[in-house]
Amino acid sequence: MRGVVRDKEATKANLLDAAMDEFAQYGLAGARVDRIAAKAGCNKAMIYAYFGSKERLYDELLKIQIDRMIQQVPITPDDLPGYAGRLFDSYRDQPRLLRLAAYHRLENGFEAIPEAEAEAYRHKVEAIGLAQMEGKISAEFNANDLLDMVVHMSILAFTTPNATRALVERSVSRLIAE
């Protein structure tokens, strides 16, 4: 009798896909490993074998999703309205990512920011600060506050049914106008 041959990377990918649905719907506290495993088509022991725990699966998924978003929507400090518009589109097209991040903050506190997100945020603040020093965008707000406002305006896609990309871009244009 021959044993079952497993494709480790395919199994991990299936688990991460299933986990995205589960965690976005229920958060870490409400998610169940048996539902994740069933949706992924494997035994729940595989979650523990590949990730160690439900919490580490969640952390790995969040890191992957944040890294993906950073790659898909790079900061453009010379065009913050366009950046906000691209973020708006991304959040509109991937609402599970915002739900995943919202659950993380609700369950861990608003100060608990994943390292990948914190590092990306530092880079973005530095890029905006440099553009401000070079006179490319308004320095009326400090770079950190400006980035916060730009990002939160882009989240209108998630929280406001009638929001449009044009509204977000116009708002950010007004925000950085001299």
N, C-alpha and C. Protein backbone atom coordinates (compact mmCIF):
# COMPACT_ATOMS: atom_id res chain seq x y z
N MET A 1 0.84 -1.17 0.00
CA MET A 1 0.00 0.00 0.00
C MET A 1 0.89 1.24 0.00
N ARG A 2 0.57 2.16 -0.86
CA ARG A 2 1.38 3.38 -0.96
C ARG A 2 0.73 4.48 -0.14
N GLY A 3 1.57 5.33 0.43
CA GLY A 3 1.08 6.46 1.21
C GLY A 3 0.59 7.58 0.30
N VAL A 4 -0.14 8.48 0.87
CA VAL A 4 -0.65 9.64 0.14
C VAL A 4 0.49 10.64 -0.04
N VAL A 5 0.67 11.09 -1.26
CA VAL A 5 1.70 12.09 -1.54
C VAL A 5 1.05 13.47 -1.37
N ARG A 6 1.65 14.30 -0.57
CA ARG A 6 1.10 15.64 -0.32
C ARG A 6 1.98 16.69 -0.97
N ASP A 7 1.33 17.70 -1.45
CA ASP A 7 2.02 18.86 -1.98
C ASP A 7 1.96 19.92 -0.88
N LYS A 8 3.05 20.06 -0.16
CA LYS A 8 3.09 20.94 1.01
C LYS A 8 2.69 22.37 0.66
N GLU A 9 3.26 22.92 -0.41
CA GLU A 9 2.97 24.31 -0.77
C GLU A 9 1.52 24.49 -1.19
N ALA A 10 0.96 23.53 -1.91
CA ALA A 10 -0.44 23.61 -2.32
C ALA A 10 -1.35 23.53 -1.09
N THR A 11 -1.01 22.65 -0.16
CA THR A 11 -1.81 22.52 1.06
C THR A 11 -1.75 23.81 1.87
N LYS A 12 -0.56 24.38 2.02
CA LYS A 12 -0.43 25.65 2.75
C LYS A 12 -1.24 26.75 2.06
N ALA A 13 -1.17 26.81 0.73
CA ALA A 13 -1.93 27.83 -0.01
C ALA A 13 -3.43 27.64 0.20
N ASN A 14 -3.90 26.39 0.15
CA ASN A 14 -5.32 26.11 0.38
C ASN A 14 -5.74 26.51 1.80
N LEU A 15 -4.87 26.22 2.76
CA LEU A 15 -5.17 26.62 4.15
C LEU A 15 -5.22 28.13 4.30
N LEU A 16 -4.30 28.83 3.67
CA LEU A 16 -4.30 30.30 3.75
C LEU A 16 -5.54 30.89 3.08
N ASP A 17 -5.94 30.33 1.94
CA ASP A 17 -7.15 30.81 1.27
C ASP A 17 -8.38 30.58 2.15
N ALA A 18 -8.49 29.40 2.70
CA ALA A 18 -9.62 29.08 3.57
C ALA A 18 -9.59 29.94 4.83
N ALA A 19 -8.40 30.16 5.35
CA ALA A 19 -8.26 30.99 6.56
C ALA A 19 -8.67 32.43 6.30
N MET A 20 -8.38 32.93 5.11
CA MET A 20 -8.78 34.31 4.77
C MET A 20 -10.29 34.46 4.89
N ASP A 21 -11.01 33.52 4.32
CA ASP A 21 -12.47 33.58 4.42
C ASP A 21 -12.94 33.49 5.87
N GLU A 22 -12.39 32.55 6.59
CA GLU A 22 -12.82 32.30 7.97
C GLU A 22 -12.48 33.48 8.89
N PHE A 23 -11.24 33.96 8.84
CA PHE A 23 -10.84 35.06 9.72
C PHE A 23 -11.53 36.37 9.35
N ALA A 24 -11.74 36.62 8.07
CA ALA A 24 -12.43 37.84 7.65
C ALA A 24 -13.89 37.83 8.11
N GLN A 25 -14.47 36.64 8.18
CA GLN A 25 -15.86 36.54 8.60
C GLN A 25 -16.02 36.53 10.12
N TYR A 26 -15.12 35.85 10.83
CA TYR A 26 -15.32 35.62 12.26
C TYR A 26 -14.24 36.22 13.15
N GLY A 27 -13.15 36.73 12.60
CA GLY A 27 -12.05 37.19 13.42
C GLY A 27 -11.29 36.01 14.00
N LEU A 28 -10.23 36.30 14.70
CA LEU A 28 -9.43 35.24 15.29
C LEU A 28 -10.22 34.48 16.35
N ALA A 29 -10.91 35.20 17.21
CA ALA A 29 -11.63 34.55 18.31
C ALA A 29 -12.76 33.65 17.81
N GLY A 30 -13.45 34.04 16.77
CA GLY A 30 -14.59 33.27 16.29
C GLY A 30 -14.25 32.22 15.25
N ALA A 31 -13.07 32.30 14.68
CA ALA A 31 -12.66 31.34 13.64
C ALA A 31 -12.48 29.96 14.24
N ARG A 32 -12.75 28.96 13.45
CA ARG A 32 -12.62 27.57 13.89
C ARG A 32 -11.70 26.82 12.93
N VAL A 33 -10.70 26.14 13.51
CA VAL A 33 -9.74 25.40 12.68
C VAL A 33 -10.41 24.28 11.91
N ASP A 34 -11.46 23.68 12.47
CA ASP A 34 -12.13 22.60 11.75
C ASP A 34 -12.80 23.12 10.48
N ARG A 35 -13.36 24.33 10.52
CA ARG A 35 -13.96 24.91 9.30
C ARG A 35 -12.88 25.26 8.28
N ILE A 36 -11.75 25.80 8.76
CA ILE A 36 -10.65 26.14 7.85
C ILE A 36 -10.15 24.88 7.17
N ALA A 37 -9.90 23.84 7.94
CA ALA A 37 -9.38 22.59 7.38
C ALA A 37 -10.38 21.98 6.39
N ALA A 38 -11.65 21.96 6.75
CA ALA A 38 -12.66 21.39 5.86
C ALA A 38 -12.72 22.14 4.54
N LYS A 39 -12.69 23.46 4.61
CA LYS A 39 -12.73 24.26 3.38
C LYS A 39 -11.47 24.05 2.54
N ALA A 40 -10.35 23.85 3.21
CA ALA A 40 -9.07 23.63 2.51
C ALA A 40 -8.95 22.19 2.00
N GLY A 41 -9.85 21.33 2.46
CA GLY A 41 -9.82 19.94 2.01
C GLY A 41 -8.71 19.12 2.64
N CYS A 42 -8.41 19.42 3.90
CA CYS A 42 -7.37 18.66 4.59
C CYS A 42 -7.73 18.47 6.05
N ASN A 43 -6.90 17.76 6.76
CA ASN A 43 -7.07 17.49 8.17
C ASN A 43 -6.60 18.72 8.96
N LYS A 44 -7.31 19.02 10.06
CA LYS A 44 -6.92 20.20 10.83
C LYS A 44 -5.53 20.06 11.46
N ALA A 45 -5.03 18.85 11.55
CA ALA A 45 -3.67 18.66 12.06
C ALA A 45 -2.65 19.34 11.15
N MET A 46 -3.00 19.52 9.88
CA MET A 46 -2.10 20.18 8.94
C MET A 46 -1.90 21.66 9.32
N ILE A 47 -2.91 22.27 9.89
CA ILE A 47 -2.78 23.67 10.34
C ILE A 47 -1.68 23.75 11.39
N TYR A 48 -1.71 22.81 12.34
CA TYR A 48 -0.72 22.81 13.41
C TYR A 48 0.66 22.40 12.89
N ALA A 49 0.68 21.50 11.91
CA ALA A 49 1.96 21.07 11.35
C ALA A 49 2.64 22.20 10.59
N TYR A 50 1.87 22.96 9.81
CA TYR A 50 2.46 24.01 8.98
C TYR A 50 2.59 25.35 9.68
N PHE A 51 1.68 25.63 10.62
CA PHE A 51 1.66 26.97 11.22
C PHE A 51 1.84 26.97 12.74
N GLY A 52 1.66 25.85 13.39
CA GLY A 52 1.88 25.76 14.83
C GLY A 52 0.64 26.03 15.66
N SER A 53 -0.19 26.96 15.24
CA SER A 53 -1.41 27.30 15.99
C SER A 53 -2.33 28.13 15.10
N LYS A 54 -3.56 28.27 15.54
CA LYS A 54 -4.51 29.13 14.83
C LYS A 54 -4.00 30.57 14.83
N GLU A 55 -3.42 31.01 15.94
CA GLU A 55 -2.92 32.38 16.06
C GLU A 55 -1.77 32.64 15.09
N ARG A 56 -0.88 31.68 14.96
CA ARG A 56 0.25 31.86 14.03
C ARG A 56 -0.22 31.81 12.58
N LEU A 57 -1.24 31.01 12.30
CA LEU A 57 -1.84 31.01 10.96
C LEU A 57 -2.41 32.40 10.66
N TYR A 58 -3.11 32.97 11.61
CA TYR A 58 -3.68 34.30 11.47
C TYR A 58 -2.58 35.34 11.23
N ASP A 59 -1.54 35.28 12.04
CA ASP A 59 -0.43 36.23 11.91
C ASP A 59 0.24 36.11 10.54
N GLU A 60 0.46 34.87 10.10
CA GLU A 60 1.09 34.65 8.78
C GLU A 60 0.20 35.17 7.66
N LEU A 61 -1.09 34.91 7.76
CA LEU A 61 -2.04 35.38 6.75
C LEU A 61 -2.04 36.91 6.70
N LEU A 62 -2.09 37.54 7.85
CA LEU A 62 -2.10 39.00 7.90
C LEU A 62 -0.82 39.57 7.30
N LYS A 63 0.32 38.99 7.63
CA LYS A 63 1.59 39.45 7.06
C LYS A 63 1.59 39.31 5.54
N ILE A 64 1.15 38.19 5.02
CA ILE A 64 1.10 37.97 3.57
C ILE A 64 0.19 39.00 2.91
N GLN A 65 -0.97 39.23 3.50
CA GLN A 65 -1.93 40.17 2.91
C GLN A 65 -1.39 41.61 2.95
N ILE A 66 -0.75 41.99 4.04
CA ILE A 66 -0.18 43.34 4.12
C ILE A 66 0.95 43.49 3.11
N ASP A 67 1.82 42.49 3.02
CA ASP A 67 2.91 42.55 2.04
C ASP A 67 2.36 42.65 0.62
N ARG A 68 1.31 41.90 0.33
CA ARG A 68 0.70 41.94 -1.00
C ARG A 68 0.14 43.33 -1.30
N MET A 69 -0.53 43.93 -0.31
CA MET A 69 -1.10 45.27 -0.51
C MET A 69 0.00 46.30 -0.73
N ILE A 70 1.09 46.17 0.01
CA ILE A 70 2.21 47.11 -0.15
C ILE A 70 2.78 47.01 -1.57
N GLN A 71 2.88 45.79 -2.08
CA GLN A 71 3.40 45.59 -3.44
C GLN A 71 2.42 46.08 -4.49
N GLN A 72 1.13 45.85 -4.28
CA GLN A 72 0.12 46.21 -5.26
C GLN A 72 -0.14 47.71 -5.31
N VAL A 73 -0.01 48.38 -4.17
CA VAL A 73 -0.33 49.81 -4.09
C VAL A 73 0.83 50.54 -3.43
N PRO A 74 1.91 50.76 -4.18
CA PRO A 74 3.04 51.47 -3.59
C PRO A 74 2.71 52.95 -3.39
N ILE A 75 3.34 53.53 -2.38
CA ILE A 75 3.14 54.96 -2.09
C ILE A 75 3.69 55.80 -3.22
N THR A 76 2.96 56.84 -3.56
CA THR A 76 3.43 57.83 -4.54
C THR A 76 3.24 59.21 -3.90
N PRO A 77 4.22 59.68 -3.15
CA PRO A 77 4.05 60.94 -2.44
C PRO A 77 3.86 62.14 -3.36
N ASP A 78 4.35 62.04 -4.60
CA ASP A 78 4.14 63.13 -5.56
C ASP A 78 2.72 63.14 -6.10
N ASP A 79 1.99 62.06 -5.88
CA ASP A 79 0.60 61.94 -6.33
C ASP A 79 -0.23 61.28 -5.24
N LEU A 80 -0.36 61.95 -4.11
CA LEU A 80 -1.14 61.38 -3.01
C LEU A 80 -2.61 61.16 -3.38
N PRO A 81 -3.24 62.05 -4.17
CA PRO A 81 -4.62 61.75 -4.57
C PRO A 81 -4.72 60.44 -5.38
N GLY A 82 -3.78 60.21 -6.28
CA GLY A 82 -3.78 58.96 -7.04
C GLY A 82 -3.53 57.76 -6.15
N TYR A 83 -2.63 57.92 -5.19
CA TYR A 83 -2.35 56.86 -4.22
C TYR A 83 -3.62 56.53 -3.43
N ALA A 84 -4.30 57.56 -2.94
CA ALA A 84 -5.55 57.35 -2.19
C ALA A 84 -6.59 56.67 -3.08
N GLY A 85 -6.65 57.05 -4.34
CA GLY A 85 -7.60 56.42 -5.27
C GLY A 85 -7.29 54.95 -5.48
N ARG A 86 -6.00 54.62 -5.62
CA ARG A 86 -5.62 53.22 -5.79
C ARG A 86 -5.90 52.41 -4.52
N LEU A 87 -5.66 53.01 -3.36
CA LEU A 87 -6.01 52.34 -2.11
C LEU A 87 -7.52 52.11 -2.03
N PHE A 88 -8.30 53.13 -2.39
CA PHE A 88 -9.76 53.01 -2.42
C PHE A 88 -10.18 51.83 -3.28
N ASP A 89 -9.62 51.76 -4.49
CA ASP A 89 -9.96 50.65 -5.39
C ASP A 89 -9.58 49.31 -4.77
N SER A 90 -8.42 49.26 -4.17
CA SER A 90 -7.95 48.01 -3.58
C SER A 90 -8.84 47.57 -2.42
N TYR A 91 -9.21 48.50 -1.56
CA TYR A 91 -10.09 48.17 -0.44
C TYR A 91 -11.48 47.77 -0.94
N ARG A 92 -11.96 48.45 -1.96
CA ARG A 92 -13.27 48.11 -2.52
C ARG A 92 -13.23 46.70 -3.11
N ASP A 93 -12.13 46.38 -3.79
CA ASP A 93 -12.01 45.09 -4.46
C ASP A 93 -11.64 43.96 -3.50
N GLN A 94 -11.07 44.30 -2.34
CA GLN A 94 -10.62 43.28 -1.38
C GLN A 94 -11.12 43.61 0.02
N PRO A 95 -12.42 43.62 0.22
CA PRO A 95 -12.94 44.02 1.54
C PRO A 95 -12.53 43.08 2.67
N ARG A 96 -12.20 41.84 2.33
CA ARG A 96 -11.79 40.91 3.38
C ARG A 96 -10.51 41.38 4.07
N LEU A 97 -9.63 42.05 3.34
CA LEU A 97 -8.39 42.54 3.95
C LEU A 97 -8.69 43.57 5.04
N LEU A 98 -9.59 44.49 4.77
CA LEU A 98 -9.94 45.48 5.80
C LEU A 98 -10.62 44.81 6.99
N ARG A 99 -11.47 43.83 6.74
CA ARG A 99 -12.11 43.12 7.85
C ARG A 99 -11.06 42.39 8.68
N LEU A 100 -10.11 41.76 8.01
CA LEU A 100 -9.04 41.06 8.70
C LEU A 100 -8.25 42.02 9.58
N ALA A 101 -7.89 43.16 9.04
CA ALA A 101 -7.14 44.17 9.81
C ALA A 101 -7.99 44.74 10.95
N ALA A 102 -9.29 44.94 10.68
CA ALA A 102 -10.17 45.48 11.73
C ALA A 102 -10.29 44.49 12.88
N TYR A 103 -10.45 43.21 12.58
CA TYR A 103 -10.51 42.21 13.64
C TYR A 103 -9.20 42.19 14.43
N HIS A 104 -8.08 42.33 13.73
CA HIS A 104 -6.79 42.33 14.44
C HIS A 104 -6.75 43.45 15.47
N ARG A 105 -7.19 44.63 15.06
CA ARG A 105 -7.16 45.77 15.98
C ARG A 105 -8.18 45.60 17.11
N LEU A 106 -9.36 45.09 16.80
CA LEU A 106 -10.38 44.89 17.82
C LEU A 106 -9.94 43.85 18.85
N GLU A 107 -9.28 42.81 18.39
CA GLU A 107 -8.90 41.72 19.27
C GLU A 107 -7.58 41.97 20.01
N ASN A 108 -6.75 42.86 19.46
CA ASN A 108 -5.43 43.09 20.05
C ASN A 108 -5.22 44.51 20.53
N GLY A 109 -6.18 45.38 20.31
CA GLY A 109 -6.03 46.78 20.66
C GLY A 109 -5.53 47.58 19.47
N PHE A 110 -5.86 48.82 19.43
CA PHE A 110 -5.52 49.65 18.28
C PHE A 110 -4.04 50.00 18.21
N GLU A 111 -3.31 49.79 19.32
CA GLU A 111 -1.88 50.04 19.32
C GLU A 111 -1.10 48.85 18.76
N ALA A 112 -1.73 47.69 18.71
CA ALA A 112 -1.06 46.46 18.24
C ALA A 112 -1.08 46.44 16.72
N ILE A 113 0.02 46.85 16.13
CA ILE A 113 0.13 46.90 14.67
C ILE A 113 1.11 45.83 14.23
N PRO A 114 0.71 45.00 13.26
CA PRO A 114 1.65 43.98 12.77
C PRO A 114 2.94 44.63 12.28
N GLU A 115 4.07 43.96 12.48
CA GLU A 115 5.38 44.52 12.12
C GLU A 115 5.45 44.90 10.65
N ALA A 116 4.91 44.08 9.76
CA ALA A 116 4.96 44.39 8.33
C ALA A 116 4.24 45.71 8.04
N GLU A 117 3.13 45.93 8.71
CA GLU A 117 2.37 47.17 8.52
C GLU A 117 3.13 48.35 9.11
N ALA A 118 3.71 48.17 10.28
CA ALA A 118 4.46 49.25 10.93
C ALA A 118 5.65 49.67 10.08
N GLU A 119 6.37 48.70 9.53
CA GLU A 119 7.53 49.00 8.69
C GLU A 119 7.12 49.74 7.42
N ALA A 120 6.06 49.28 6.79
CA ALA A 120 5.56 49.95 5.58
C ALA A 120 5.11 51.36 5.91
N TYR A 121 4.49 51.53 7.07
CA TYR A 121 4.00 52.85 7.47
C TYR A 121 5.17 53.81 7.66
N ARG A 122 6.23 53.34 8.31
CA ARG A 122 7.42 54.19 8.50
C ARG A 122 7.98 54.64 7.16
N HIS A 123 8.07 53.72 6.21
CA HIS A 123 8.58 54.04 4.89
C HIS A 123 7.70 55.09 4.21
N LYS A 124 6.40 54.95 4.33
CA LYS A 124 5.47 55.90 3.69
C LYS A 124 5.57 57.28 4.33
N VAL A 125 5.67 57.33 5.64
CA VAL A 125 5.82 58.62 6.33
C VAL A 125 7.11 59.30 5.89
N GLU A 126 8.20 58.54 5.78
CA GLU A 126 9.47 59.11 5.32
C GLU A 126 9.36 59.64 3.89
N ALA A 127 8.68 58.91 3.02
CA ALA A 127 8.51 59.35 1.63
C ALA A 127 7.70 60.64 1.55
N ILE A 128 6.65 60.73 2.35
CA ILE A 128 5.83 61.94 2.36
C ILE A 128 6.63 63.10 2.95
N GLY A 129 7.36 62.85 4.03
CA GLY A 129 8.19 63.89 4.64
C GLY A 129 9.22 64.43 3.66
N LEU A 130 9.84 63.56 2.89
CA LEU A 130 10.81 64.00 1.89
C LEU A 130 10.14 64.85 0.82
N ALA A 131 8.98 64.42 0.35
CA ALA A 131 8.24 65.20 -0.66
C ALA A 131 7.85 66.57 -0.10
N GLN A 132 7.54 66.63 1.18
CA GLN A 132 7.23 67.92 1.80
C GLN A 132 8.47 68.80 1.87
N MET A 133 9.60 68.23 2.26
CA MET A 133 10.85 69.01 2.35
C MET A 133 11.25 69.54 0.97
N GLU A 134 10.97 68.78 -0.06
CA GLU A 134 11.31 69.20 -1.42
C GLU A 134 10.28 70.15 -2.01
N GLY A 135 9.23 70.46 -1.23
CA GLY A 135 8.20 71.39 -1.68
C GLY A 135 7.23 70.81 -2.71
N LYS A 136 7.19 69.51 -2.82
CA LYS A 136 6.31 68.87 -3.81
C LYS A 136 4.87 68.77 -3.33
N ILE A 137 4.69 68.70 -2.01
CA ILE A 137 3.34 68.69 -1.44
C ILE A 137 3.33 69.56 -0.19
N SER A 138 2.15 69.96 0.19
CA SER A 138 1.97 70.85 1.34
C SER A 138 2.57 70.24 2.60
N ALA A 139 3.13 71.12 3.42
CA ALA A 139 3.66 70.70 4.72
C ALA A 139 2.77 71.23 5.84
N GLU A 140 1.53 71.55 5.50
CA GLU A 140 0.61 72.06 6.53
C GLU A 140 0.37 71.04 7.63
N PHE A 141 0.37 69.77 7.28
CA PHE A 141 0.22 68.70 8.25
C PHE A 141 1.54 67.94 8.32
N ASN A 142 1.88 67.41 9.50
CA ASN A 142 3.09 66.60 9.54
C ASN A 142 2.85 65.33 8.73
N ALA A 143 3.92 64.70 8.29
CA ALA A 143 3.84 63.57 7.37
C ALA A 143 3.01 62.42 7.94
N ASN A 144 3.16 62.15 9.23
CA ASN A 144 2.41 61.06 9.86
C ASN A 144 0.91 61.34 9.83
N ASP A 145 0.51 62.55 10.23
CA ASP A 145 -0.91 62.91 10.23
C ASP A 145 -1.46 62.91 8.80
N LEU A 146 -0.68 63.41 7.87
CA LEU A 146 -1.14 63.44 6.47
C LEU A 146 -1.38 62.03 5.95
N LEU A 147 -0.46 61.12 6.22
CA LEU A 147 -0.65 59.74 5.78
C LEU A 147 -1.88 59.14 6.45
N ASP A 148 -2.07 59.38 7.74
CA ASP A 148 -3.27 58.88 8.42
C ASP A 148 -4.54 59.35 7.70
N MET A 149 -4.60 60.63 7.38
CA MET A 149 -5.80 61.17 6.74
C MET A 149 -6.00 60.59 5.34
N VAL A 150 -4.93 60.45 4.58
CA VAL A 150 -5.02 59.89 3.23
C VAL A 150 -5.53 58.45 3.29
N VAL A 151 -4.96 57.66 4.17
CA VAL A 151 -5.37 56.26 4.29
C VAL A 151 -6.82 56.17 4.75
N HIS A 152 -7.20 56.96 5.73
CA HIS A 152 -8.57 56.88 6.23
C HIS A 152 -9.58 57.39 5.20
N MET A 153 -9.21 58.33 4.40
CA MET A 153 -10.11 58.74 3.32
C MET A 153 -10.30 57.60 2.32
N SER A 154 -9.24 56.85 2.07
CA SER A 154 -9.35 55.75 1.12
C SER A 154 -10.22 54.62 1.66
N ILE A 155 -10.35 54.54 2.96
CA ILE A 155 -11.17 53.49 3.57
C ILE A 155 -12.66 53.79 3.41
N LEU A 156 -13.00 54.96 2.91
CA LEU A 156 -14.39 55.25 2.62
C LEU A 156 -15.02 54.17 1.74
N ALA A 157 -14.20 53.51 0.93
CA ALA A 157 -14.70 52.43 0.08
C ALA A 157 -15.34 51.34 0.90
N PHE A 158 -14.85 51.15 2.08
CA PHE A 158 -15.32 50.08 2.95
C PHE A 158 -16.48 50.53 3.82
N THR A 159 -16.50 51.79 4.19
CA THR A 159 -17.45 52.25 5.20
C THR A 159 -18.59 53.11 4.67
N THR A 160 -18.48 53.60 3.46
CA THR A 160 -19.48 54.52 2.93
C THR A 160 -19.97 54.04 1.57
N PRO A 161 -21.21 53.55 1.50
CA PRO A 161 -21.69 52.95 0.25
C PRO A 161 -21.66 53.87 -0.97
N ASN A 162 -21.86 55.16 -0.80
CA ASN A 162 -21.91 56.08 -1.95
C ASN A 162 -20.59 56.75 -2.27
N ALA A 163 -19.54 56.39 -1.55
CA ALA A 163 -18.23 56.99 -1.81
C ALA A 163 -17.71 56.54 -3.17
N THR A 164 -16.97 57.41 -3.81
CA THR A 164 -16.37 57.08 -5.10
C THR A 164 -14.88 57.39 -5.05
N ARG A 165 -14.17 56.82 -5.98
CA ARG A 165 -12.74 57.11 -6.09
C ARG A 165 -12.54 58.61 -6.33
N ALA A 166 -13.37 59.20 -7.18
CA ALA A 166 -13.24 60.63 -7.49
C ALA A 166 -13.39 61.47 -6.23
N LEU A 167 -14.33 61.12 -5.36
CA LEU A 167 -14.51 61.85 -4.11
C LEU A 167 -13.25 61.77 -3.25
N VAL A 168 -12.69 60.57 -3.14
CA VAL A 168 -11.48 60.38 -2.34
C VAL A 168 -10.34 61.19 -2.92
N GLU A 169 -10.15 61.13 -4.23
CA GLU A 169 -9.05 61.87 -4.87
C GLU A 169 -9.23 63.38 -4.72
N ARG A 170 -10.46 63.87 -4.89
CA ARG A 170 -10.70 65.32 -4.73
C ARG A 170 -10.43 65.74 -3.30
N SER A 171 -10.84 64.93 -2.34
CA SER A 171 -10.64 65.26 -0.93
C SER A 171 -9.16 65.33 -0.59
N VAL A 172 -8.39 64.38 -1.06
CA VAL A 172 -6.96 64.38 -0.80
C VAL A 172 -6.30 65.55 -1.52
N SER A 173 -6.75 65.88 -2.72
CA SER A 173 -6.21 67.04 -3.44
C SER A 173 -6.41 68.32 -2.63
N ARG A 174 -7.59 68.48 -2.05
CA ARG A 174 -7.85 69.64 -1.23
C ARG A 174 -7.01 69.65 0.04
N LEU A 175 -6.80 68.47 0.57
CA LEU A 175 -6.02 68.32 1.81
C LEU A 175 -4.58 68.77 1.62
N ILE A 176 -4.02 68.52 0.46
CA ILE A 176 -2.60 68.84 0.23
C ILE A 176 -2.40 70.12 -0.54
N ALA A 177 -3.50 70.80 -0.88
CA ALA A 177 -3.40 72.04 -1.65
C ALA A 177 -2.68 73.10 -0.83
N GLU A 178 -1.91 73.89 -1.50
CA GLU A 178 -1.18 75.00 -0.84
C GLU A 178 -2.09 76.18 -0.65
